[in-house]
Amino acid sequence: TEDVRAALLAALRSDQNAGVRLQALEGLREFGGDPQVKQVLREVLRQDDNPGVRIEAINQLGKLRDASTVPLLQQLAAGDPNSYVRLRSASTLRELNAPEIY
């Protein structure tokens, strides 16, 4: 299981194909509470150029209800170049009962 998690994290961080990164995200759902997985999900939000990948990371982080993601979600809600990423970030902040503006 550790090897699977490590392989999925590596694919999520570095694979050039957005479809592969989305599949890696799907595979990482069962490891959501893992601190390293949360860290990589936050990295994806900051760095991935594919809005679909960022949205799936938002969805997974929202389900974890982790307050440490609130500032990053606030930044995305205020300034992500993709309008759906902004809307999904704002919606997740509301689900977390967090202020939308930082």
Protein backbone atom coordinates (compact mmCIF):
# COMPACT_ATOMS: atom_id res chain seq x y z
CA THR A 1 0.00 0.00 0.00
CA GLU A 2 2.90 2.34 0.76
CA ASP A 3 4.36 1.66 -2.70
CA VAL A 4 0.99 2.35 -4.34
CA ARG A 5 0.62 5.64 -2.47
CA ALA A 6 4.15 6.67 -3.42
CA ALA A 7 3.56 5.83 -7.09
CA LEU A 8 0.29 7.77 -7.15
CA LEU A 9 1.93 10.79 -5.50
CA ALA A 10 4.77 10.69 -8.03
CA ALA A 11 2.31 10.53 -10.93
CA LEU A 12 0.27 13.38 -9.50
CA ARG A 13 3.33 15.56 -9.06
CA SER A 14 5.07 14.95 -12.35
CA ASP A 15 3.10 13.18 -15.07
CA GLN A 16 2.61 15.39 -18.13
CA ASN A 17 -0.81 13.90 -18.90
CA ALA A 18 -3.70 15.54 -17.02
CA GLY A 19 -5.75 12.34 -17.37
CA VAL A 20 -3.05 10.39 -15.56
CA ARG A 21 -2.93 13.04 -12.82
CA LEU A 22 -6.73 12.82 -12.44
CA GLN A 23 -6.50 9.03 -12.14
CA ALA A 24 -3.77 9.43 -9.52
CA LEU A 25 -6.05 11.79 -7.58
CA GLU A 26 -8.83 9.23 -7.73
CA GLY A 27 -6.48 6.55 -6.42
CA LEU A 28 -5.33 8.80 -3.58
CA ARG A 29 -8.85 9.28 -2.17
CA GLU A 30 -8.40 6.38 0.22
CA PHE A 31 -5.22 8.01 1.58
CA GLY A 32 -6.82 11.44 2.12
CA GLY A 33 -6.00 11.70 5.80
CA ASP A 34 -2.30 11.11 5.17
CA PRO A 35 -0.28 14.30 5.83
CA GLN A 36 1.91 13.79 2.75
CA VAL A 37 -1.17 13.34 0.54
CA LYS A 38 -2.67 16.56 1.91
CA GLN A 39 0.61 18.35 1.24
CA VAL A 40 0.67 17.17 -2.38
CA LEU A 41 -2.99 18.13 -2.85
CA ARG A 42 -2.11 21.65 -1.72
CA GLU A 43 0.85 21.67 -4.14
CA VAL A 44 -1.51 20.67 -6.95
CA LEU A 45 -3.76 23.60 -6.11
CA ARG A 46 -0.83 26.00 -6.31
CA GLN A 47 0.96 24.58 -9.34
CA ASP A 48 -1.10 22.35 -11.64
CA ASP A 49 -2.00 24.05 -14.91
CA ASN A 50 -5.10 21.92 -15.49
CA PRO A 51 -8.32 23.33 -13.95
CA GLY A 52 -9.92 19.87 -13.78
CA VAL A 53 -7.04 18.55 -11.71
CA ARG A 54 -7.21 21.59 -9.40
CA ILE A 55 -10.98 21.16 -8.99
CA GLU A 56 -10.61 17.50 -8.02
CA ALA A 57 -7.95 18.47 -5.48
CA ILE A 58 -10.36 21.10 -4.07
CA ASN A 59 -13.07 18.45 -3.81
CA GLN A 60 -10.81 16.05 -1.94
CA LEU A 61 -9.45 18.69 0.43
CA GLY A 62 -12.98 19.92 1.11
CA LYS A 63 -14.06 16.44 2.17
CA LEU A 64 -11.18 16.32 4.66
CA ARG A 65 -12.51 19.48 6.35
CA ASP A 66 -8.95 20.57 7.10
CA ALA A 67 -8.75 24.18 8.30
CA SER A 68 -5.15 24.47 7.11
CA THR A 69 -6.40 24.58 3.51
CA VAL A 70 -8.62 27.63 4.09
CA PRO A 71 -6.02 30.31 3.21
CA LEU A 72 -5.15 28.55 -0.04
CA LEU A 73 -8.83 28.14 -0.95
CA GLN A 74 -9.34 31.83 -0.20
CA GLN A 75 -6.50 32.74 -2.57
CA LEU A 76 -8.00 30.55 -5.29
CA ALA A 77 -11.49 31.96 -4.76
CA ALA A 78 -10.12 35.48 -5.11
CA GLY A 79 -7.69 35.08 -7.95
CA ASP A 80 -7.52 31.78 -9.83
CA PRO A 81 -7.51 32.39 -13.60
CA ASN A 82 -10.26 29.78 -14.09
CA SER A 83 -13.76 30.91 -13.13
CA TYR A 84 -14.95 27.43 -12.17
CA VAL A 85 -11.95 26.94 -9.88
CA ARG A 86 -12.82 30.28 -8.23
CA LEU A 87 -16.47 29.21 -7.82
CA ARG A 88 -15.59 25.75 -6.49
CA SER A 89 -13.11 27.25 -4.02
CA ALA A 90 -15.72 29.70 -2.75
CA SER A 91 -18.29 26.92 -2.47
CA THR A 92 -15.87 24.73 -0.49
CA LEU A 93 -15.13 27.64 1.83
CA ARG A 94 -18.86 28.00 2.49
CA GLU A 95 -19.09 24.24 3.18
CA LEU A 96 -16.26 24.67 5.70
CA ASN A 97 -17.99 27.71 7.25
CA ALA A 98 -14.89 29.73 6.48
CA PRO A 99 -14.80 33.32 5.24
CA GLU A 100 -14.43 33.57 1.49
CA ILE A 101 -12.15 36.59 1.65
CA TYR A 102 -8.77 36.48 3.30
